[in-house]
Amino acid sequence: MRYQSVDNEKAKKMISDFLAIQRDEINQIQSHVPKLSKALPAVKVARYLQIENKIRAMVRYELAEAIPLVPGK
């Protein structure tokens, strides 16, 4: 599956949105670490982050299957 057409402006918006989502995801994780660290030992926080990362990877995989590639020129 592919997009029918994407102009430069649409592509720039897609890039900007992608980067914003990535930044927000990192900010969310960083804001949770101090809270988790107050309640849990570092080993458990690390394990939590590993599990969270695996869940996010599964979600990304499912999204990647559903989202068409931008056509190349």
Protein backbone atom coordinates (compact mmCIF):
# COMPACT_ATOMS: atom_id res chain seq x y z
CA MET A 1 0.00 0.00 0.00
CA ARG A 2 1.27 3.47 -0.86
CA TYR A 3 0.10 7.05 -0.70
CA GLN A 4 -1.31 8.23 -4.03
CA SER A 5 0.74 11.42 -3.95
CA VAL A 6 2.55 13.53 -1.40
CA ASP A 7 3.82 17.01 -2.15
CA ASN A 8 6.76 18.63 -0.36
CA GLU A 9 4.55 20.58 2.05
CA LYS A 10 2.68 17.44 3.11
CA ALA A 11 6.00 15.58 3.49
CA LYS A 12 7.41 18.40 5.67
CA LYS A 13 4.29 18.24 7.85
CA MET A 14 4.66 14.46 8.16
CA ILE A 15 8.30 14.85 9.21
CA SER A 16 7.44 17.53 11.73
CA ASP A 17 4.62 15.44 13.19
CA PHE A 18 6.87 12.38 13.40
CA LEU A 19 9.59 14.28 15.25
CA ALA A 20 7.06 15.86 17.63
CA ILE A 21 5.65 12.44 18.49
CA GLN A 22 9.16 11.07 19.11
CA ARG A 23 10.02 14.05 21.35
CA ASP A 24 6.76 13.68 23.29
CA GLU A 25 7.40 9.97 23.79
CA ILE A 26 10.90 10.60 25.19
CA ASN A 27 9.62 13.43 27.40
CA GLN A 28 6.90 11.17 28.77
CA ILE A 29 9.39 8.42 29.60
CA GLN A 30 11.81 10.89 31.19
CA SER A 31 9.05 12.34 33.37
CA HIS A 32 8.10 8.89 34.64
CA VAL A 33 11.60 7.73 35.60
CA PRO A 34 12.02 9.98 38.69
CA LYS A 35 8.56 9.01 39.95
CA LEU A 36 9.26 5.32 39.42
CA SER A 37 12.70 5.65 41.00
CA LYS A 38 11.18 7.01 44.20
CA ALA A 39 8.99 3.93 44.56
CA LEU A 40 11.11 1.17 43.04
CA PRO A 41 14.74 0.04 43.02
CA ALA A 42 16.71 0.86 39.87
CA VAL A 43 16.65 -2.77 38.68
CA LYS A 44 12.85 -2.78 38.65
CA VAL A 45 12.71 0.61 36.92
CA ALA A 46 15.07 -0.72 34.25
CA ARG A 47 12.90 -3.82 33.81
CA TYR A 48 9.79 -1.65 33.57
CA LEU A 49 11.44 0.45 30.86
CA GLN A 50 12.45 -2.69 28.97
CA ILE A 51 8.91 -4.04 29.06
CA GLU A 52 7.51 -0.65 28.07
CA ASN A 53 9.96 -0.55 25.16
CA LYS A 54 8.85 -3.99 23.97
CA ILE A 55 5.20 -2.95 24.10
CA ARG A 56 5.95 0.22 22.15
CA ALA A 57 7.87 -1.85 19.59
CA MET A 58 4.84 -4.09 19.06
CA VAL A 59 2.59 -1.07 18.62
CA ARG A 60 5.06 0.49 16.17
CA TYR A 61 5.18 -2.76 14.20
CA GLU A 62 1.39 -2.85 13.92
CA LEU A 63 1.32 0.79 12.85
CA ALA A 64 4.08 0.21 10.31
CA GLU A 65 2.01 -2.52 8.70
CA ALA A 66 -1.02 -0.23 8.44
CA ILE A 67 0.65 3.02 7.32
CA PRO A 68 1.52 3.16 3.63
CA LEU A 69 4.93 4.31 2.44
CA VAL A 70 5.36 7.72 0.87
CA PRO A 71 5.98 7.19 -2.86
CA GLY A 72 9.55 7.63 -4.05
CA LYS A 73 10.44 9.68 -7.10
